[in-house]
Amino acid sequence: MTINEKQNQIIEEFSVFTEWIDKYEYLIELGKNLTIIDEKNKTEQNLIKGCQSRVWIDAEYVDGKIIYKADSDAIITKGIISLLISVMSERKPEEIINADLFFIEKTGLHENLSPTRANGLLAMVKQMKLYALAFENIQKNKL
């Protein structure tokens, strides 16, 4: 499944809910399935700046693809990062760098988050793309 196909799937899943309280509950459920970062990687370096809650994101480069793991001390934020990981994890760096994450707008996620959570969401996306850029540069330097 491509990044865009995964985003369309998320948009479809969110369209089932008419009330935002139901969407928040769905986010909480998604957060329960998050691939959790190892405790040893919950470092200051992996902590996302600009989030209302504490969010850690780590990335590994395996067989040409990036695998993200994360955790948060807030249940809604866990759901948000879980969505981002489902879209961007196990992709090539170039795919992640060039991804237009339209699902954030189409689901109404960005406009229905508090301003600090919305800023945190953007900070998470930025960090994930920075990891992709770093891995892409490492790969180019090996060639």
C-alpha atoms as a PDB file:
ATOM      1  CA  MET A   1       0.000   0.000   0.000  1.00  0.00           C
ATOM      2  CA  THR A   2       1.376   3.408  -0.961  1.00  0.00           C
ATOM      3  CA  ILE A   3       1.481   6.409   1.361  1.00  0.00           C
ATOM      4  CA  ASN A   4      -1.481   7.964  -0.474  1.00  0.00           C
ATOM      5  CA  GLU A   5      -3.485   4.738  -0.330  1.00  0.00           C
ATOM      6  CA  LYS A   6      -2.834   4.518   3.414  1.00  0.00           C
ATOM      7  CA  GLN A   7      -3.925   8.141   3.852  1.00  0.00           C
ATOM      8  CA  ASN A   8      -7.126   7.491   1.893  1.00  0.00           C
ATOM      9  CA  GLN A   9      -7.803   4.499   4.144  1.00  0.00           C
ATOM     10  CA  ILE A  10      -7.415   6.708   7.241  1.00  0.00           C
ATOM     11  CA  ILE A  11      -9.725   9.357   5.752  1.00  0.00           C
ATOM     12  CA  GLU A  12     -12.314   6.656   5.096  1.00  0.00           C
ATOM     13  CA  GLU A  13     -11.976   5.280   8.654  1.00  0.00           C
ATOM     14  CA  PHE A  14     -12.476   8.766  10.130  1.00  0.00           C
ATOM     15  CA  SER A  15     -15.462   9.493   7.875  1.00  0.00           C
ATOM     16  CA  VAL A  16     -17.468   6.840   9.739  1.00  0.00           C
ATOM     17  CA  PHE A  17     -17.574   9.127  12.785  1.00  0.00           C
ATOM     18  CA  THR A  18     -19.780  12.210  12.724  1.00  0.00           C
ATOM     19  CA  GLU A  19     -18.867  13.592  16.145  1.00  0.00           C
ATOM     20  CA  TRP A  20     -15.350  14.625  17.154  1.00  0.00           C
ATOM     21  CA  ILE A  21     -15.686  12.880  20.504  1.00  0.00           C
ATOM     22  CA  ASP A  22     -15.944   9.600  18.576  1.00  0.00           C
ATOM     23  CA  LYS A  23     -12.875  10.506  16.528  1.00  0.00           C
ATOM     24  CA  TYR A  24     -10.951  11.223  19.735  1.00  0.00           C
ATOM     25  CA  GLU A  25     -12.009   7.840  21.106  1.00  0.00           C
ATOM     26  CA  TYR A  26     -10.782   6.243  17.877  1.00  0.00           C
ATOM     27  CA  LEU A  27      -7.448   8.041  18.250  1.00  0.00           C
ATOM     28  CA  ILE A  28      -7.158   6.684  21.791  1.00  0.00           C
ATOM     29  CA  GLU A  29      -7.774   3.154  20.479  1.00  0.00           C
ATOM     30  CA  LEU A  30      -5.126   3.610  17.785  1.00  0.00           C
ATOM     31  CA  GLY A  31      -2.655   4.736  20.425  1.00  0.00           C
ATOM     32  CA  LYS A  32      -3.073   1.431  22.240  1.00  0.00           C
ATOM     33  CA  ASN A  33      -1.581  -0.329  19.195  1.00  0.00           C
ATOM     34  CA  LEU A  34       1.439   1.962  18.906  1.00  0.00           C
ATOM     35  CA  THR A  35       4.811   0.275  18.431  1.00  0.00           C
ATOM     36  CA  ILE A  36       6.440   1.613  21.568  1.00  0.00           C
ATOM     37  CA  ILE A  37       9.963   3.009  21.600  1.00  0.00           C
ATOM     38  CA  ASP A  38      12.428   1.171  23.864  1.00  0.00           C
ATOM     39  CA  GLU A  39      12.810   2.786  27.281  1.00  0.00           C
ATOM     40  CA  LYS A  40      16.529   3.297  26.601  1.00  0.00           C
ATOM     41  CA  ASN A  41      15.589   5.467  23.607  1.00  0.00           C
ATOM     42  CA  LYS A  42      13.347   7.785  25.607  1.00  0.00           C
ATOM     43  CA  THR A  43      16.116  10.343  25.616  1.00  0.00           C
ATOM     44  CA  GLU A  44      16.212  14.108  25.379  1.00  0.00           C
ATOM     45  CA  GLN A  45      17.511  13.698  21.800  1.00  0.00           C
ATOM     46  CA  ASN A  46      14.372  11.757  20.784  1.00  0.00           C
ATOM     47  CA  LEU A  47      11.984  14.084  22.624  1.00  0.00           C
ATOM     48  CA  ILE A  48       9.913  16.231  20.259  1.00  0.00           C
ATOM     49  CA  LYS A  49      10.170  19.930  21.002  1.00  0.00           C
ATOM     50  CA  GLY A  50       7.012  21.994  20.741  1.00  0.00           C
ATOM     51  CA  CYS A  51       4.574  19.354  21.989  1.00  0.00           C
ATOM     52  CA  GLN A  52       2.241  19.966  24.891  1.00  0.00           C
ATOM     53  CA  SER A  53       2.877  16.414  26.063  1.00  0.00           C
ATOM     54  CA  ARG A  54       6.068  14.402  26.073  1.00  0.00           C
ATOM     55  CA  VAL A  55       6.583  12.569  22.766  1.00  0.00           C
ATOM     56  CA  TRP A  56       9.584  10.504  21.794  1.00  0.00           C
ATOM     57  CA  ILE A  57      10.258   9.332  18.239  1.00  0.00           C
ATOM     58  CA  ASP A  58      13.089   7.076  17.156  1.00  0.00           C
ATOM     59  CA  ALA A  59      13.889   5.714  13.722  1.00  0.00           C
ATOM     60  CA  GLU A  60      15.921   2.835  12.339  1.00  0.00           C
ATOM     61  CA  TYR A  61      17.046   2.318   8.775  1.00  0.00           C
ATOM     62  CA  VAL A  62      16.453  -1.319   7.826  1.00  0.00           C
ATOM     63  CA  ASP A  63      16.781  -2.737   4.308  1.00  0.00           C
ATOM     64  CA  GLY A  64      16.355   0.671   2.681  1.00  0.00           C
ATOM     65  CA  LYS A  65      13.278   1.605   4.701  1.00  0.00           C
ATOM     66  CA  ILE A  66      12.712   3.620   7.844  1.00  0.00           C
ATOM     67  CA  ILE A  67      11.036   2.024  10.847  1.00  0.00           C
ATOM     68  CA  TYR A  68       9.634   4.502  13.365  1.00  0.00           C
ATOM     69  CA  LYS A  69       8.842   3.806  17.000  1.00  0.00           C
ATOM     70  CA  ALA A  70       7.397   6.284  19.435  1.00  0.00           C
ATOM     71  CA  ASP A  71       5.684   6.877  22.739  1.00  0.00           C
ATOM     72  CA  SER A  72       3.874   9.662  24.523  1.00  0.00           C
ATOM     73  CA  ASP A  73       2.603  10.327  27.997  1.00  0.00           C
ATOM     74  CA  ALA A  74      -0.744  11.523  26.561  1.00  0.00           C
ATOM     75  CA  ILE A  75      -3.334   9.134  25.151  1.00  0.00           C
ATOM     76  CA  ILE A  76      -4.577  11.363  22.302  1.00  0.00           C
ATOM     77  CA  THR A  77      -1.017  12.151  21.271  1.00  0.00           C
ATOM     78  CA  LYS A  78      -0.249   8.413  21.199  1.00  0.00           C
ATOM     79  CA  GLY A  79      -3.088   8.040  18.711  1.00  0.00           C
ATOM     80  CA  ILE A  80      -1.814  10.901  16.566  1.00  0.00           C
ATOM     81  CA  ILE A  81       1.726   9.516  16.419  1.00  0.00           C
ATOM     82  CA  SER A  82       0.275   6.073  15.726  1.00  0.00           C
ATOM     83  CA  LEU A  83      -1.462   7.513  12.637  1.00  0.00           C
ATOM     84  CA  LEU A  84       1.740   9.176  11.459  1.00  0.00           C
ATOM     85  CA  ILE A  85       3.698   5.957  11.923  1.00  0.00           C
ATOM     86  CA  SER A  86       1.082   3.936  10.049  1.00  0.00           C
ATOM     87  CA  VAL A  87       1.488   6.302   7.082  1.00  0.00           C
ATOM     88  CA  MET A  88       5.257   6.818   7.106  1.00  0.00           C
ATOM     89  CA  SER A  89       6.905   3.781   8.711  1.00  0.00           C
ATOM     90  CA  GLU A  90       8.433   1.072   6.537  1.00  0.00           C
ATOM     91  CA  ARG A  91       8.884   3.480   3.636  1.00  0.00           C
ATOM     92  CA  LYS A  92      11.916   4.609   1.699  1.00  0.00           C
ATOM     93  CA  PRO A  93      13.332   7.971   2.827  1.00  0.00           C
ATOM     94  CA  GLU A  94      12.467   9.605  -0.494  1.00  0.00           C
ATOM     95  CA  GLU A  95       8.800   8.596  -0.138  1.00  0.00           C
ATOM     96  CA  ILE A  96       8.616  10.149   3.320  1.00  0.00           C
ATOM     97  CA  ILE A  97      10.401  13.351   2.324  1.00  0.00           C
ATOM     98  CA  ASN A  98       8.098  13.873  -0.663  1.00  0.00           C
ATOM     99  CA  ALA A  99       4.873  12.826   1.079  1.00  0.00           C
ATOM    100  CA  ASP A 100       2.032  15.314   1.108  1.00  0.00           C
ATOM    101  CA  LEU A 101       0.254  14.353   4.310  1.00  0.00           C
ATOM    102  CA  PHE A 102      -3.212  15.379   3.140  1.00  0.00           C
ATOM    103  CA  PHE A 103      -5.003  13.106   5.605  1.00  0.00           C
ATOM    104  CA  ILE A 104      -4.305  15.629   8.390  1.00  0.00           C
ATOM    105  CA  GLU A 105      -6.538  18.195   6.681  1.00  0.00           C
ATOM    106  CA  LYS A 106      -9.065  15.781   5.166  1.00  0.00           C
ATOM    107  CA  THR A 107      -9.844  14.126   8.515  1.00  0.00           C
ATOM    108  CA  GLY A 108     -10.184  17.515  10.212  1.00  0.00           C
ATOM    109  CA  LEU A 109      -7.468  16.484  12.627  1.00  0.00           C
ATOM    110  CA  HIS A 110      -5.460  19.700  12.422  1.00  0.00           C
ATOM    111  CA  GLU A 111      -8.415  22.032  12.966  1.00  0.00           C
ATOM    112  CA  ASN A 112      -9.914  20.000  15.809  1.00  0.00           C
ATOM    113  CA  LEU A 113      -6.785  19.846  17.935  1.00  0.00           C
ATOM    114  CA  SER A 114      -5.860  22.475  20.483  1.00  0.00           C
ATOM    115  CA  PRO A 115      -3.283  24.935  19.123  1.00  0.00           C
ATOM    116  CA  THR A 116      -0.522  23.330  21.198  1.00  0.00           C
ATOM    117  CA  ARG A 117      -1.454  19.816  19.998  1.00  0.00           C
ATOM    118  CA  ALA A 118      -1.604  21.062  16.395  1.00  0.00           C
ATOM    119  CA  ASN A 119       1.886  22.537  16.813  1.00  0.00           C
ATOM    120  CA  GLY A 120       3.008  19.232  18.301  1.00  0.00           C
ATOM    121  CA  LEU A 121       1.591  17.365  15.316  1.00  0.00           C
ATOM    122  CA  LEU A 122       3.587  19.571  12.952  1.00  0.00           C
ATOM    123  CA  ALA A 123       6.704  19.047  15.092  1.00  0.00           C
ATOM    124  CA  MET A 124       6.235  15.256  14.899  1.00  0.00           C
ATOM    125  CA  VAL A 125       5.872  15.363  11.106  1.00  0.00           C
ATOM    126  CA  LYS A 126       8.931  17.600  10.834  1.00  0.00           C
ATOM    127  CA  GLN A 127      11.025  15.246  12.982  1.00  0.00           C
ATOM    128  CA  MET A 128       9.960  12.180  10.998  1.00  0.00           C
ATOM    129  CA  LYS A 129      10.862  13.923   7.736  1.00  0.00           C
ATOM    130  CA  LEU A 130      14.205  15.029   9.211  1.00  0.00           C
ATOM    131  CA  TYR A 131      14.994  11.403  10.047  1.00  0.00           C
ATOM    132  CA  ALA A 132      14.155  10.487   6.441  1.00  0.00           C
ATOM    133  CA  LEU A 133      16.409  13.246   5.124  1.00  0.00           C
ATOM    134  CA  ALA A 134      19.267  12.110   7.363  1.00  0.00           C
ATOM    135  CA  PHE A 135      18.926   8.477   6.258  1.00  0.00           C
ATOM    136  CA  GLU A 136      18.691   9.541   2.612  1.00  0.00           C
ATOM    137  CA  ASN A 137      21.923  11.552   2.973  1.00  0.00           C
ATOM    138  CA  ILE A 138      23.672   8.636   4.678  1.00  0.00           C
ATOM    139  CA  GLN A 139      22.588   6.338   1.856  1.00  0.00           C
ATOM    140  CA  LYS A 140      23.776   8.789  -0.834  1.00  0.00           C
ATOM    141  CA  ASN A 141      27.169   9.101   0.849  1.00  0.00           C
ATOM    142  CA  LYS A 142      27.589   5.303   0.793  1.00  0.00           C
ATOM    143  CA  LEU A 143      27.116   5.184  -2.980  1.00  0.00           C
END
